[in-house]
Amino acid sequence: MDTIGRVLVVGSNGLLGQKMAEQLVRGTSYRITLASVEREPVRELESAPYVQLDITSHKSVRECIAQVQPDVIINCAAMTNVDACETERELAWKINVSGVEYLAEAAKKHHATVVHVSSDYVFDGKAGPYTEEDKPEPLSYYGKSKLASENVLLSAAIPSVIARTMVLYGQAPGVKANFALWLIQSLQARQTVRIVDDQVGNPTLVDDLAYALLRAVEMGKRGIYHIAGRDIITRYEFALRLAQVFHCDASLIVPIKTASLKQPAVRPLKSGLITLKAEVELGYKPSSVEHGLEVLKSQLRPEH
């Protein structure tokens, strides 16, 4: 696929949305439009106009897609706070499921491909790591909403790519703190952090995910891909490795069990995503934890 033409990035003010825009502006053949729920973009990109879009509004989605006429819609918008999804179910469903329904409907009308991001939370975390063929069994409302969003696309009879990922980390202007950024801030402030040692998965550098999504678009791929980091480790082990890369005091990191946190949403414990399909079909090369954290460190350097 030489020319994709018009690409609409939905949720462009978030971490993944900004990284997606960065990847796209490097290509010369795309006409990019950025869209997010906020009135203004977090950062202006000369070659990419910004439109305000609320994916929970059917009208807003219809009008935006009709105006932009995209060939590809990359949906980076989601409600990802797992505990908030458990307690604010109506809002979670509006953003994570209804929003995808509206995008799919508009995409069908305008013959666009939808690229959508899902999560390892569609699995129960009893027998990870998982391949694309494994049967989803979500435990939390967040996981259920993400599985429902996948099913929306799979049943919509439109070309789509679904990328499941997990433990995304990275840096971009104005984004809320992810696990890695929170850890860095806490450890640099010499605060003790309690980190679970019974949740296993592959932490994913957001830049890697954005690159893989772009590859899927450029290669005209369809279907489900698992896109995550190379190393499958516990959250506690990730924190220790982060302390090493950022020269923080690892003795501030205290291992705890997930159950002791008494969180509203149940977590999949033995999770992890097998990325072989993405590696073979997309030429995806997942970063190791150390490499990903070194990249993050270099991105943070100007600000410290």
Protein backbone atom coordinates (compact mmCIF):
# COMPACT_ATOMS: atom_id res chain seq x y z
CA MET A 1 0.00 0.00 0.00
CA ASP A 2 1.90 3.05 -1.25
CA THR A 3 -0.52 5.82 -0.50
CA ILE A 4 -2.85 5.62 2.43
CA GLY A 5 -3.97 9.19 1.95
CA ARG A 6 -5.99 10.65 4.79
CA VAL A 7 -5.44 9.42 8.35
CA LEU A 8 -7.54 10.51 11.34
CA VAL A 9 -5.96 10.00 14.78
CA VAL A 10 -8.71 9.87 17.41
CA GLY A 11 -7.57 10.61 20.98
CA SER A 12 -4.57 12.48 19.63
CA ASN A 13 -3.90 14.36 22.91
CA GLY A 14 -3.17 11.17 24.84
CA LEU A 15 0.16 9.37 25.14
CA LEU A 16 -0.39 6.90 22.29
CA GLY A 17 -2.18 9.51 20.15
CA GLN A 18 0.80 11.87 20.33
CA LYS A 19 3.27 9.08 19.51
CA MET A 20 1.06 8.01 16.61
CA ALA A 21 1.08 11.56 15.25
CA GLU A 22 4.89 11.65 15.58
CA GLN A 23 5.20 8.44 13.54
CA LEU A 24 2.78 9.65 10.88
CA VAL A 25 4.34 13.07 10.31
CA ARG A 26 7.60 11.33 9.41
CA GLY A 27 5.84 9.80 6.42
CA THR A 28 5.29 12.10 3.48
CA SER A 29 2.28 10.47 1.87
CA TYR A 30 -0.26 11.02 4.64
CA ARG A 31 -2.69 13.84 5.17
CA ILE A 32 -3.12 13.70 8.91
CA THR A 33 -5.95 15.10 11.00
CA LEU A 34 -5.72 14.99 14.79
CA ALA A 35 -8.84 14.77 16.93
CA SER A 36 -9.46 14.71 20.69
CA VAL A 37 -12.19 15.63 23.12
CA GLU A 38 -10.34 18.75 24.35
CA ARG A 39 -10.87 22.08 22.62
CA GLU A 40 -7.16 22.54 21.83
CA PRO A 41 -4.37 20.17 20.82
CA VAL A 42 -1.68 19.48 23.44
CA ARG A 43 0.86 20.44 20.80
CA GLU A 44 0.43 21.96 17.38
CA LEU A 45 1.74 20.02 14.39
CA GLU A 46 2.14 22.20 11.33
CA SER A 47 1.21 19.48 8.87
CA ALA A 48 -1.74 18.14 10.89
CA PRO A 49 -4.89 20.18 11.52
CA TYR A 50 -6.77 19.54 14.77
CA VAL A 51 -10.50 19.05 15.23
CA GLN A 52 -12.45 18.60 18.44
CA LEU A 53 -14.18 15.20 18.61
CA ASP A 54 -16.20 13.57 21.38
CA ILE A 55 -16.49 9.87 20.53
CA THR A 56 -19.34 9.44 23.01
CA SER A 57 -21.44 11.70 20.75
CA HIS A 58 -22.90 10.00 17.68
CA LYS A 59 -23.39 13.40 16.01
CA SER A 60 -19.82 14.54 16.74
CA VAL A 61 -18.38 11.34 15.22
CA ARG A 62 -20.63 11.46 12.13
CA GLU A 63 -19.77 15.10 11.43
CA CYS A 64 -16.04 14.68 12.02
CA ILE A 65 -15.71 11.63 9.72
CA ALA A 66 -17.84 13.30 7.03
CA GLN A 67 -15.62 16.39 7.20
CA VAL A 68 -12.24 14.59 7.24
CA GLN A 69 -13.17 11.71 4.88
CA PRO A 70 -10.34 9.53 6.23
CA ASP A 71 -9.03 6.37 4.58
CA VAL A 72 -7.80 5.16 7.96
CA ILE A 73 -9.11 5.94 11.46
CA ILE A 74 -6.66 5.17 14.28
CA ASN A 75 -8.56 5.06 17.54
CA CYS A 76 -6.29 5.90 20.49
CA ALA A 77 -9.17 7.13 22.67
CA ALA A 78 -10.20 5.00 25.66
CA MET A 79 -11.08 5.07 29.32
CA THR A 80 -8.13 3.10 30.70
CA ASN A 81 -8.37 3.71 34.45
CA VAL A 82 -9.34 0.16 35.38
CA ASP A 83 -10.80 0.95 38.81
CA ALA A 84 -12.73 3.98 37.52
CA CYS A 85 -14.22 1.73 34.81
CA GLU A 86 -15.44 -0.60 37.56
CA THR A 87 -17.20 2.19 39.47
CA GLU A 88 -18.27 4.41 36.53
CA ARG A 89 -19.56 1.70 34.22
CA GLU A 90 -21.87 3.85 32.14
CA LEU A 91 -19.08 6.26 31.21
CA ALA A 92 -16.65 3.38 30.53
CA TRP A 93 -19.17 1.79 28.15
CA LYS A 94 -19.85 5.10 26.39
CA ILE A 95 -16.16 5.72 25.68
CA ASN A 96 -14.87 2.18 25.18
CA VAL A 97 -17.80 0.59 23.35
CA SER A 98 -20.37 3.11 22.06
CA GLY A 99 -17.57 5.34 20.76
CA VAL A 100 -16.18 2.42 18.76
CA GLU A 101 -19.66 1.62 17.42
CA TYR A 102 -20.00 5.20 16.16
CA LEU A 103 -16.54 5.12 14.57
CA ALA A 104 -17.26 1.76 12.92
CA GLU A 105 -20.59 2.97 11.55
CA ALA A 106 -19.02 6.14 10.10
CA ALA A 107 -16.06 4.15 8.77
CA LYS A 108 -18.41 1.81 6.92
CA LYS A 109 -20.21 4.74 5.31
CA HIS A 110 -16.95 6.35 4.16
CA HIS A 111 -15.07 3.11 3.34
CA ALA A 112 -12.39 3.65 5.97
CA THR A 113 -10.24 1.12 7.85
CA VAL A 114 -10.34 1.28 11.66
CA VAL A 115 -7.24 0.60 13.76
CA HIS A 116 -8.17 0.05 17.39
CA VAL A 117 -6.23 -0.60 20.60
CA SER A 118 -7.36 -3.28 23.03
CA SER A 119 -5.83 -4.82 26.14
CA ASP A 120 -4.55 -7.98 27.81
CA TYR A 121 -7.42 -7.39 30.29
CA VAL A 122 -9.68 -9.31 27.87
CA PHE A 123 -8.01 -12.40 29.43
CA ASP A 124 -8.43 -13.74 32.98
CA GLY A 125 -4.68 -13.98 33.67
CA LYS A 126 -4.82 -17.59 34.83
CA ALA A 127 -2.71 -19.12 32.07
CA GLY A 128 -0.69 -16.39 30.35
CA PRO A 129 1.15 -15.46 28.26
CA TYR A 130 -1.52 -15.44 25.55
CA THR A 131 -1.62 -15.71 21.77
CA GLU A 132 -4.23 -14.10 19.52
CA GLU A 133 -6.02 -17.47 19.34
CA ASP A 134 -6.60 -17.82 23.09
CA LYS A 135 -10.14 -17.42 24.38
CA PRO A 136 -10.88 -14.10 26.10
CA GLU A 137 -12.35 -14.31 29.63
CA PRO A 138 -12.34 -10.77 31.09
CA LEU A 139 -12.50 -10.38 34.88
CA SER A 140 -13.10 -6.63 35.17
CA TYR A 141 -15.59 -4.21 33.65
CA TYR A 142 -12.70 -2.55 31.81
CA GLY A 143 -11.76 -5.92 30.30
CA LYS A 144 -15.39 -6.59 29.37
CA SER A 145 -15.68 -3.18 27.69
CA LYS A 146 -12.48 -3.77 25.68
CA LEU A 147 -13.68 -7.22 24.56
CA ALA A 148 -17.03 -5.70 23.56
CA SER A 149 -15.17 -3.06 21.51
CA GLU A 150 -13.25 -5.82 19.70
CA ASN A 151 -16.51 -7.62 18.93
CA VAL A 152 -18.03 -4.40 17.57
CA LEU A 153 -15.26 -4.21 14.98
CA LEU A 154 -15.17 -7.93 14.19
CA SER A 155 -18.90 -7.93 13.48
CA ALA A 156 -19.01 -4.56 11.64
CA ALA A 157 -17.95 -5.97 8.25
CA ILE A 158 -15.31 -3.26 7.81
CA PRO A 159 -11.54 -3.63 7.43
CA SER A 160 -10.00 -3.35 10.89
CA VAL A 161 -6.88 -3.99 12.93
CA ILE A 162 -7.14 -4.70 16.67
CA ALA A 163 -3.91 -4.36 18.65
CA ARG A 164 -3.90 -5.77 22.17
CA THR A 165 -1.22 -4.27 24.37
CA MET A 166 -0.38 -3.93 28.08
CA VAL A 167 1.44 -1.84 30.70
CA LEU A 168 2.08 1.03 28.29
CA TYR A 169 4.72 3.51 29.38
CA GLY A 170 6.34 6.53 27.81
CA GLN A 171 6.54 10.29 27.80
CA ALA A 172 4.67 13.00 25.89
CA PRO A 173 3.61 16.57 26.77
CA GLY A 174 0.62 16.92 29.07
CA VAL A 175 -0.13 13.22 29.58
CA LYS A 176 -1.24 11.78 32.89
CA ALA A 177 1.43 9.80 34.73
CA ASN A 178 1.72 6.17 33.64
CA PHE A 179 3.28 3.44 35.81
CA ALA A 180 6.86 4.22 34.77
CA LEU A 181 6.56 8.02 35.09
CA TRP A 182 4.90 7.68 38.51
CA LEU A 183 7.70 5.36 39.64
CA ILE A 184 10.42 7.75 38.43
CA GLN A 185 8.80 10.73 40.18
CA SER A 186 8.27 8.80 43.42
CA LEU A 187 11.75 7.27 43.57
CA GLN A 188 13.48 10.53 42.65
CA ALA A 189 11.55 12.17 45.50
CA ARG A 190 12.82 9.32 47.73
CA GLN A 191 9.34 8.08 48.50
CA THR A 192 8.71 4.45 49.38
CA VAL A 193 6.62 2.67 46.73
CA ARG A 194 4.66 -0.54 47.23
CA ILE A 195 4.68 -2.60 44.06
CA VAL A 196 2.88 -5.90 43.40
CA ASP A 197 5.09 -8.92 42.80
CA ASP A 198 2.30 -11.26 41.66
CA GLN A 199 1.17 -9.52 38.45
CA VAL A 200 3.10 -10.74 35.43
CA GLY A 201 3.17 -9.21 31.96
CA ASN A 202 5.23 -7.42 29.34
CA PRO A 203 5.70 -3.66 29.89
CA THR A 204 5.41 -1.90 26.52
CA LEU A 205 7.20 1.22 25.34
CA VAL A 206 4.49 3.35 23.70
CA ASP A 207 6.79 4.27 20.79
CA ASP A 208 6.98 0.55 19.88
CA LEU A 209 3.19 0.25 19.81
CA ALA A 210 2.82 3.36 17.62
CA TYR A 211 5.42 2.01 15.20
CA ALA A 212 3.65 -1.38 14.99
CA LEU A 213 0.28 0.27 14.34
CA LEU A 214 1.78 2.29 11.51
CA ARG A 215 3.31 -0.88 10.05
CA ALA A 216 -0.09 -2.60 10.15
CA VAL A 217 -1.67 0.35 8.35
CA GLU A 218 1.05 0.58 5.69
CA MET A 219 0.96 -3.14 5.02
CA GLY A 220 -2.84 -3.20 4.77
CA LYS A 221 -3.15 -5.82 7.51
CA ARG A 222 -6.40 -7.01 9.11
CA GLY A 223 -7.28 -8.83 12.31
CA ILE A 224 -5.92 -9.10 15.85
CA TYR A 225 -2.27 -8.59 16.84
CA HIS A 226 -0.58 -8.79 20.21
CA ILE A 227 1.86 -5.89 20.50
CA ALA A 228 3.83 -5.64 23.74
CA GLY A 229 7.37 -5.51 25.13
CA ARG A 230 9.89 -8.36 24.89
CA ASP A 231 10.24 -9.25 28.58
CA ILE A 232 7.49 -10.91 30.59
CA ILE A 233 8.17 -9.95 34.21
CA THR A 234 6.42 -8.89 37.42
CA ARG A 235 5.59 -5.26 38.12
CA TYR A 236 8.06 -5.45 41.04
CA GLU A 237 10.87 -6.66 38.77
CA PHE A 238 10.06 -3.82 36.34
CA ALA A 239 10.35 -1.32 39.19
CA LEU A 240 13.76 -2.75 40.20
CA ARG A 241 15.04 -2.50 36.63
CA LEU A 242 13.72 1.06 36.36
CA ALA A 243 15.54 1.99 39.58
CA GLN A 244 18.75 0.64 38.05
CA VAL A 245 18.40 2.56 34.75
CA PHE A 246 17.44 5.82 36.51
CA HIS A 247 19.99 5.38 39.34
CA CYS A 248 17.36 5.40 42.09
CA ASP A 249 17.46 3.65 45.45
CA ALA A 250 15.92 0.20 44.93
CA SER A 251 15.47 -0.25 48.69
CA LEU A 252 12.54 2.21 48.43
CA ILE A 253 10.63 -0.46 46.44
CA VAL A 254 8.59 -2.75 48.69
CA PRO A 255 7.01 -5.92 47.21
CA ILE A 256 3.33 -6.53 48.06
CA LYS A 257 0.50 -8.78 46.90
CA THR A 258 -2.31 -7.53 44.64
CA ALA A 259 -4.99 -8.68 47.10
CA SER A 260 -3.64 -6.34 49.79
CA LEU A 261 -4.54 -3.29 47.66
CA LYS A 262 -8.28 -4.11 47.76
CA GLN A 263 -8.84 -2.42 44.39
CA PRO A 264 -12.37 -2.19 42.93
CA ALA A 265 -11.37 -4.09 39.75
CA VAL A 266 -9.99 -7.63 39.69
CA ARG A 267 -6.57 -7.85 37.97
CA PRO A 268 -5.41 -10.67 35.69
CA LEU A 269 -2.29 -11.92 37.50
CA LYS A 270 -0.50 -14.41 35.22
CA SER A 271 -0.85 -12.41 32.02
CA GLY A 272 1.51 -11.47 29.21
CA LEU A 273 1.11 -11.29 25.43
CA ILE A 274 2.96 -13.46 22.91
CA THR A 275 4.02 -11.13 20.08
CA LEU A 276 5.26 -13.68 17.53
CA LYS A 277 2.52 -12.94 14.98
CA ALA A 278 3.34 -9.20 15.00
CA GLU A 279 7.06 -9.97 14.76
CA VAL A 280 6.59 -12.23 11.73
CA GLU A 281 3.83 -10.32 9.90
CA LEU A 282 4.69 -6.71 10.78
CA GLY A 283 8.45 -6.94 11.29
CA TYR A 284 7.79 -5.78 14.87
CA LYS A 285 10.85 -5.81 17.11
CA PRO A 286 9.78 -5.48 20.75
CA SER A 287 12.11 -3.57 23.06
CA SER A 288 13.55 -5.20 26.14
CA VAL A 289 12.69 -3.48 29.43
CA GLU A 290 16.21 -2.04 29.68
CA HIS A 291 16.18 -0.68 26.14
CA GLY A 292 12.68 0.78 26.57
CA LEU A 293 13.69 2.49 29.80
CA GLU A 294 16.87 3.89 28.20
CA VAL A 295 14.69 5.37 25.43
CA LEU A 296 12.38 6.87 28.05
CA LYS A 297 15.39 8.26 29.94
CA SER A 298 16.68 9.98 26.80
CA GLN A 299 13.23 11.45 26.13
CA LEU A 300 12.99 12.82 29.68
CA ARG A 301 16.50 14.27 29.69
CA PRO A 302 15.68 17.78 28.34
CA GLU A 303 13.13 18.26 31.13
CA HIS A 304 15.37 17.29 34.04
